[in-house]
Amino acid sequence: MRLLHGVVPGLWLLGWLSGMGTGLAQPAAAGVSKGTGDGGLLHARLRGVASSRVFGNVNHDDARAALKVWFAAAGQQNGYVLDTAVDIVNSAAEMKERLESHSVDLLMMGMLDYVELEGSNLAAPVLTDARSAQGAAPYSYVLVANPSSGATSLAGLRGKKLLVYGRGAGDTAVAWVEVLLGKEKLGRAASFFASVQMPVKPQSCILPVFFGTADACVVDEVNLNLAREINPQLGQLRVIARSRPMIESVIAVPADTASRQKGLIEDILSLDRDSRGRQLLMVFKTERMVRIQPGDLDAGRELWRDYFRLPGTSPNRPVVFEAEMAAGAAADRGRGGH
């Protein structure tokens, strides 16, 4: 089951628990108490909030249950009986309410969520995931076409069939295509392309373009490069456009507790240095966790600023092309996607 694209919840717990002895030892932040009838294990409270945007096509009840299982198992391994609350919310406004009421310890969100929440100054962004052992965390989206389509520019794809794969809910990939069209004064995707569909797997986006059953696709460069390593013939695909490198996932803590979380952050950053941490990283399809660096959020901010300037868009309106996008994703799942 695909749990999270860009968020590693189990890893947060390991760091959080091991950090309790240092940065989170304060009773108000940690919620730790001595238990009875359980071998003297410490009891700890973890209140997590995750944005629905980071779960993609995963059923929310399944995702919530999976997160709680991971949290409980990791807590037990670290000598804690964990009282876990995991809430999945649908808006940045709900996250803001939780921050204002001091009822959350960590937040897992997409970049759009953070952009909408940033002005409140209630959350401190600290970490994101890196998909390469050496490369930086930000990565680009690319628009690629089969050379046989004859398209050498975005304008040459008018009336063509487009596939779009985006991590998580796919918001960033969708917004980038729309902004790209807007900058070239080509209109909106629904009217520019003959059809737009969103497969739930990157290979279901890349391979149809290679075999000529689709004209072009948008996919993140990490997955495209991985596909090229497996099948060098995919190097024949023509890159027509490339986005600025950006991050899509943000792991944040309440701003008023950030100064006490240095131990937690260091523990999470070292997860790839031991076998258990690396195993968990592999389960959640990432190489390591990294600090958010100055400037890492700039490209995402700019993309969403440009997107919401497009005619007919609104922060309160879902980021979609057309109903056919949902139909495309449903059809892909019916062929075995998950």
Protein backbone atom coordinates (compact mmCIF):
# COMPACT_ATOMS: atom_id res chain seq x y z
CA MET A 1 0.00 0.00 0.00
CA ARG A 2 1.29 3.44 -0.85
CA LEU A 3 1.20 5.30 2.43
CA LEU A 4 2.85 8.64 2.03
CA HIS A 5 4.71 10.43 -0.74
CA GLY A 6 7.18 12.70 0.88
CA VAL A 7 6.34 12.05 4.56
CA VAL A 8 7.85 9.41 6.83
CA PRO A 9 5.62 9.20 9.92
CA GLY A 10 7.20 6.21 11.65
CA LEU A 11 10.57 7.91 11.55
CA TRP A 12 9.23 10.94 13.33
CA LEU A 13 8.12 8.79 16.20
CA LEU A 14 11.52 7.18 16.66
CA GLY A 15 13.18 10.55 16.79
CA TRP A 16 10.48 12.02 18.97
CA LEU A 17 10.74 9.25 21.55
CA SER A 18 14.52 9.19 21.67
CA GLY A 19 14.49 12.98 21.89
CA MET A 20 12.28 12.97 24.96
CA GLY A 21 15.30 12.49 27.18
CA THR A 22 16.79 15.72 25.82
CA GLY A 23 14.88 18.34 23.92
CA LEU A 24 11.36 17.20 24.78
CA ALA A 25 11.78 16.36 28.43
CA GLN A 26 9.55 19.21 29.53
CA PRO A 27 6.20 17.83 30.78
CA ALA A 28 4.14 20.29 28.75
CA ALA A 29 5.80 19.30 25.49
CA ALA A 30 6.31 15.62 25.99
CA GLY A 31 3.25 14.41 27.85
CA VAL A 32 5.27 11.64 29.56
CA SER A 33 4.16 9.82 32.69
CA LYS A 34 5.11 6.64 34.57
CA GLY A 35 2.81 3.72 33.88
CA THR A 36 1.71 0.89 36.20
CA GLY A 37 0.92 -2.70 35.30
CA ASP A 38 3.01 -2.47 32.16
CA GLY A 39 6.48 -3.32 33.40
CA GLY A 40 7.16 0.25 34.47
CA LEU A 41 7.27 1.55 30.91
CA LEU A 42 6.87 5.26 30.42
CA HIS A 43 3.63 6.46 28.91
CA ALA A 44 3.89 9.11 26.22
CA ARG A 45 1.38 11.11 24.24
CA LEU A 46 1.82 11.87 20.56
CA ARG A 47 -0.68 14.10 18.78
CA GLY A 48 -0.09 14.15 15.06
CA VAL A 49 -1.95 15.93 12.31
CA ALA A 50 -1.50 15.04 8.66
CA SER A 51 -2.91 16.77 5.64
CA SER A 52 -5.10 14.67 3.38
CA ARG A 53 -3.06 16.07 0.49
CA VAL A 54 -0.06 13.94 1.38
CA PHE A 55 -1.95 10.65 1.18
CA GLY A 56 -2.75 10.65 -2.53
CA ASN A 57 -5.18 7.84 -3.34
CA VAL A 58 -4.90 6.00 -0.03
CA ASN A 59 -8.12 5.54 1.94
CA HIS A 60 -7.95 7.87 4.93
CA ASP A 61 -9.17 5.28 7.44
CA ASP A 62 -6.52 2.84 6.22
CA ALA A 63 -3.86 5.54 6.38
CA ARG A 64 -4.83 6.57 9.90
CA ALA A 65 -4.81 2.96 11.10
CA ALA A 66 -1.44 2.30 9.49
CA LEU A 67 0.08 5.37 11.11
CA LYS A 68 -1.18 4.35 14.55
CA VAL A 69 0.25 0.84 14.12
CA TRP A 70 3.64 2.25 13.14
CA PHE A 71 3.61 4.69 16.05
CA ALA A 72 2.63 2.03 18.59
CA ALA A 73 5.20 -0.50 17.36
CA ALA A 74 8.02 2.03 17.30
CA GLY A 75 7.08 3.30 20.75
CA GLN A 76 7.14 -0.19 22.22
CA GLN A 77 10.58 -0.83 20.71
CA ASN A 78 11.82 2.31 22.45
CA GLY A 79 10.36 1.44 25.85
CA TYR A 80 7.20 3.54 25.75
CA VAL A 81 3.52 2.83 25.95
CA LEU A 82 2.23 5.36 23.47
CA ASP A 83 -1.10 7.12 23.59
CA THR A 84 -1.46 8.10 19.96
CA ALA A 85 -3.90 10.42 18.26
CA VAL A 86 -3.56 10.74 14.49
CA ASP A 87 -5.93 13.09 12.73
CA ILE A 88 -6.16 13.60 8.98
CA VAL A 89 -7.51 17.01 8.07
CA ASN A 90 -8.61 18.53 4.79
CA SER A 91 -7.44 22.10 5.12
CA ALA A 92 -4.71 24.34 6.46
CA ALA A 93 -7.42 26.12 8.46
CA GLU A 94 -7.95 22.96 10.50
CA MET A 95 -4.22 22.73 11.13
CA LYS A 96 -4.21 26.33 12.27
CA GLU A 97 -7.01 25.61 14.75
CA ARG A 98 -5.01 22.76 16.22
CA LEU A 99 -1.91 24.93 16.55
CA GLU A 100 -3.88 27.73 18.20
CA SER A 101 -5.37 25.30 20.72
CA HIS A 102 -1.96 23.70 21.43
CA SER A 103 -3.40 20.28 20.61
CA VAL A 104 -0.76 19.03 18.15
CA ASP A 105 2.87 17.90 18.52
CA LEU A 106 3.84 17.46 14.90
CA LEU A 107 2.38 18.25 11.49
CA MET A 108 2.83 16.48 8.17
CA MET A 109 1.73 18.57 5.24
CA GLY A 110 2.09 19.29 1.56
CA MET A 111 3.71 22.46 0.29
CA LEU A 112 0.35 24.04 -0.53
CA ASP A 113 -0.79 23.46 3.06
CA TYR A 114 2.32 25.19 4.35
CA VAL A 115 1.96 28.14 1.98
CA GLU A 116 -1.61 28.64 3.22
CA LEU A 117 -0.51 28.33 6.87
CA GLU A 118 2.75 30.24 6.72
CA GLY A 119 1.36 33.69 7.39
CA SER A 120 0.09 32.63 10.82
CA ASN A 121 3.67 32.10 12.11
CA LEU A 122 2.33 29.20 14.19
CA ALA A 123 4.33 26.38 12.58
CA ALA A 124 8.07 26.04 12.11
CA PRO A 125 9.10 24.01 9.05
CA VAL A 126 12.07 21.85 9.92
CA LEU A 127 12.50 18.80 7.71
CA THR A 128 11.67 17.28 4.37
CA ASP A 129 12.59 14.01 2.67
CA ALA A 130 15.32 13.43 0.12
CA ARG A 131 14.86 10.88 -2.65
CA SER A 132 18.57 10.61 -3.44
CA ALA A 133 21.40 9.57 -1.13
CA GLN A 134 23.62 12.33 -2.50
CA GLY A 135 21.38 14.93 -4.09
CA ALA A 136 19.57 17.78 -2.40
CA ALA A 137 15.97 17.48 -1.27
CA PRO A 138 14.32 19.68 -3.92
CA TYR A 139 13.53 18.04 -7.26
CA SER A 140 12.01 19.17 -10.53
CA TYR A 141 8.99 18.12 -12.56
CA VAL A 142 9.59 17.55 -16.25
CA LEU A 143 7.32 17.56 -19.28
CA VAL A 144 8.49 14.85 -21.66
CA ALA A 145 7.28 13.79 -25.10
CA ASN A 146 7.99 11.00 -27.53
CA PRO A 147 10.09 12.37 -30.41
CA SER A 148 7.66 10.71 -32.81
CA SER A 149 4.97 13.16 -31.67
CA GLY A 150 6.86 15.91 -33.46
CA ALA A 151 6.43 18.27 -30.49
CA THR A 152 9.49 20.34 -29.62
CA SER A 153 7.72 22.88 -27.41
CA LEU A 154 4.68 23.13 -25.17
CA ALA A 155 2.72 24.83 -27.96
CA GLY A 156 3.32 21.77 -30.14
CA LEU A 157 1.28 19.64 -27.74
CA ARG A 158 -2.02 21.37 -28.48
CA GLY A 159 -4.73 18.77 -28.96
CA LYS A 160 -2.49 15.99 -27.66
CA LYS A 161 -3.05 13.41 -24.91
CA LEU A 162 -1.28 14.30 -21.65
CA LEU A 163 -0.59 12.09 -18.65
CA VAL A 164 0.34 13.66 -15.30
CA TYR A 165 1.91 11.89 -12.35
CA GLY A 166 2.29 13.89 -9.16
CA ARG A 167 3.49 12.83 -5.74
CA GLY A 168 0.88 12.70 -3.01
CA ALA A 169 -2.37 14.21 -4.22
CA GLY A 170 -0.65 15.51 -7.34
CA ASP A 171 -1.39 19.17 -6.63
CA THR A 172 2.08 20.43 -7.51
CA ALA A 173 2.29 18.66 -10.87
CA VAL A 174 -1.15 19.95 -11.83
CA ALA A 175 -0.38 23.52 -10.77
CA TRP A 176 2.92 23.52 -12.66
CA VAL A 177 1.27 22.50 -15.94
CA GLU A 178 -1.36 25.21 -15.58
CA VAL A 179 1.22 27.88 -14.73
CA LEU A 180 3.39 26.77 -17.66
CA LEU A 181 0.45 27.15 -20.04
CA GLY A 182 -0.45 30.51 -18.53
CA LYS A 183 3.04 31.92 -18.97
CA GLU A 184 2.97 30.99 -22.66
CA LYS A 185 -0.59 32.35 -23.03
CA LEU A 186 -1.90 28.98 -24.17
CA GLY A 187 -5.03 28.87 -22.01
CA ARG A 188 -5.97 26.19 -19.51
CA ALA A 189 -5.10 22.51 -19.66
CA ALA A 190 -8.68 21.28 -20.06
CA SER A 191 -9.09 23.18 -23.32
CA PHE A 192 -5.50 23.00 -24.58
CA PHE A 193 -4.99 19.23 -24.44
CA ALA A 194 -7.25 16.65 -26.05
CA SER A 195 -7.33 14.80 -22.74
CA VAL A 196 -5.59 14.87 -19.37
CA GLN A 197 -5.36 11.83 -17.13
CA MET A 198 -3.53 11.19 -13.85
CA PRO A 199 -2.14 7.67 -13.41
CA VAL A 200 -1.32 6.68 -9.84
CA LYS A 201 2.06 5.17 -10.73
CA PRO A 202 4.98 6.95 -12.40
CA GLN A 203 5.61 4.06 -14.79
CA SER A 204 1.98 4.29 -15.92
CA CYS A 205 2.80 7.86 -16.93
CA ILE A 206 6.20 7.32 -18.56
CA LEU A 207 5.77 4.04 -20.46
CA PRO A 208 2.67 5.00 -22.49
CA VAL A 209 4.62 7.99 -23.84
CA PHE A 210 7.57 5.77 -24.73
CA PHE A 211 5.33 3.27 -26.53
CA GLY A 212 3.34 6.00 -28.27
CA THR A 213 -0.09 5.48 -26.69
CA ALA A 214 0.16 8.93 -25.09
CA ASP A 215 1.82 12.03 -26.48
CA ALA A 216 3.42 13.56 -23.40
CA CYS A 217 3.62 13.23 -19.66
CA VAL A 218 4.55 15.22 -16.59
CA VAL A 219 6.53 13.31 -13.97
CA ASP A 220 9.02 14.16 -11.24
CA GLU A 221 12.62 13.92 -12.37
CA VAL A 222 13.53 11.48 -9.60
CA ASN A 223 11.18 8.83 -10.97
CA LEU A 224 12.12 9.60 -14.56
CA ASN A 225 15.82 9.12 -13.81
CA LEU A 226 15.09 5.89 -11.95
CA ALA A 227 13.09 4.60 -14.93
CA ARG A 228 15.98 5.51 -17.25
CA GLU A 229 18.43 3.55 -15.08
CA ILE A 230 16.22 0.48 -15.40
CA ASN A 231 15.55 1.00 -19.12
CA PRO A 232 18.17 3.21 -20.82
CA GLN A 233 15.97 3.39 -23.94
CA LEU A 234 13.76 5.83 -22.06
CA GLY A 235 16.55 8.34 -22.55
CA GLN A 236 15.05 8.84 -26.02
CA LEU A 237 12.16 10.77 -24.51
CA ARG A 238 12.42 14.50 -25.21
CA VAL A 239 12.34 16.88 -22.23
CA ILE A 240 10.27 19.89 -23.32
CA ALA A 241 10.12 21.77 -20.02
CA ARG A 242 11.53 21.50 -16.51
CA SER A 243 10.27 23.15 -13.34
CA ARG A 244 12.43 24.84 -10.76
CA PRO A 245 13.58 22.33 -8.14
CA MET A 246 11.14 22.36 -5.25
CA ILE A 247 10.07 20.41 -2.21
CA GLU A 248 6.54 19.08 -1.81
CA SER A 249 6.46 17.79 1.75
CA VAL A 250 7.01 19.75 4.93
CA ILE A 251 7.34 18.32 8.40
CA ALA A 252 6.72 21.05 10.95
CA VAL A 253 6.44 21.52 14.69
CA PRO A 254 4.55 24.16 16.62
CA ALA A 255 6.62 27.34 16.54
CA ASP A 256 6.41 27.79 20.30
CA THR A 257 8.12 24.41 20.91
CA ALA A 258 10.66 24.52 18.08
CA SER A 259 13.53 25.73 20.28
CA ARG A 260 13.14 22.64 22.50
CA GLN A 261 13.25 20.15 19.63
CA LYS A 262 16.95 20.15 18.70
CA GLY A 263 17.43 16.63 20.03
CA LEU A 264 14.45 15.37 18.06
CA ILE A 265 15.69 16.91 14.83
CA GLU A 266 19.20 15.49 15.23
CA ASP A 267 17.80 12.01 15.86
CA ILE A 268 15.68 12.11 12.72
CA LEU A 269 18.58 13.35 10.62
CA SER A 270 20.68 10.35 11.72
CA LEU A 271 18.14 7.68 10.83
CA ASP A 272 20.00 6.63 7.69
CA ARG A 273 23.11 5.86 9.77
CA ASP A 274 21.83 2.66 11.39
CA SER A 275 20.22 -0.48 9.98
CA ARG A 276 16.82 -0.03 11.63
CA GLY A 277 16.54 3.56 10.46
CA ARG A 278 17.55 2.62 6.90
CA GLN A 279 14.98 -0.16 6.87
CA LEU A 280 12.21 2.24 7.78
CA LEU A 281 13.43 4.72 5.20
CA MET A 282 13.18 2.02 2.52
CA VAL A 283 9.65 1.10 3.60
CA PHE A 284 8.56 4.68 3.04
CA LYS A 285 10.46 5.00 -0.25
CA THR A 286 12.90 7.69 0.71
CA GLU A 287 16.66 7.80 1.26
CA ARG A 288 16.98 10.14 4.19
CA MET A 289 15.55 13.11 6.00
CA VAL A 290 17.17 16.52 5.57
CA ARG A 291 16.85 19.97 7.03
CA ILE A 292 14.88 22.52 5.08
CA GLN A 293 17.50 25.00 3.90
CA PRO A 294 17.10 28.75 3.32
CA GLY A 295 15.52 29.18 -0.08
CA ASP A 296 14.09 25.62 -0.29
CA LEU A 297 10.55 26.91 0.08
CA ASP A 298 10.89 29.76 -2.43
CA ALA A 299 10.09 27.78 -5.58
CA GLY A 300 6.95 26.32 -4.03
CA ARG A 301 5.77 29.72 -2.83
CA GLU A 302 6.31 31.18 -6.31
CA LEU A 303 4.50 28.32 -8.04
CA TRP A 304 1.40 28.65 -5.87
CA ARG A 305 1.44 32.43 -6.11
CA ASP A 306 1.46 32.16 -9.91
CA TYR A 307 -1.19 29.45 -9.90
CA PHE A 308 -3.67 31.43 -7.85
CA ARG A 309 -3.20 34.40 -10.16
CA LEU A 310 -4.59 32.37 -13.07
CA PRO A 311 -8.17 33.24 -14.09
CA GLY A 312 -10.75 31.08 -12.37
CA THR A 313 -8.52 29.80 -9.58
CA SER A 314 -9.02 30.33 -5.88
CA PRO A 315 -7.33 29.12 -2.69
CA ASN A 316 -10.69 27.64 -1.72
CA ARG A 317 -11.09 25.69 -4.94
CA PRO A 318 -9.50 22.22 -5.40
CA VAL A 319 -6.49 22.06 -7.72
CA VAL A 320 -7.84 20.00 -10.62
CA PHE A 321 -7.89 19.99 -14.40
CA GLU A 322 -11.25 18.41 -15.10
CA ALA A 323 -13.45 15.54 -13.93
CA GLU A 324 -11.59 13.40 -16.47
CA MET A 325 -8.55 13.48 -14.18
CA ALA A 326 -10.43 11.55 -11.54
CA ALA A 327 -11.75 9.19 -14.20
CA GLY A 328 -8.22 8.56 -15.43
CA ALA A 329 -6.97 7.76 -11.94
CA ALA A 330 -9.92 5.43 -11.33
CA ALA A 331 -9.25 3.60 -14.59
CA ASP A 332 -5.58 3.17 -13.67
CA ARG A 333 -6.50 1.73 -10.27
CA GLY A 334 -8.86 -0.67 -12.02
CA ARG A 335 -5.90 -1.98 -14.02
CA GLY A 336 -4.05 -2.80 -10.82
CA GLY A 337 -2.68 0.53 -9.60
CA HIS A 338 -2.57 1.02 -5.83
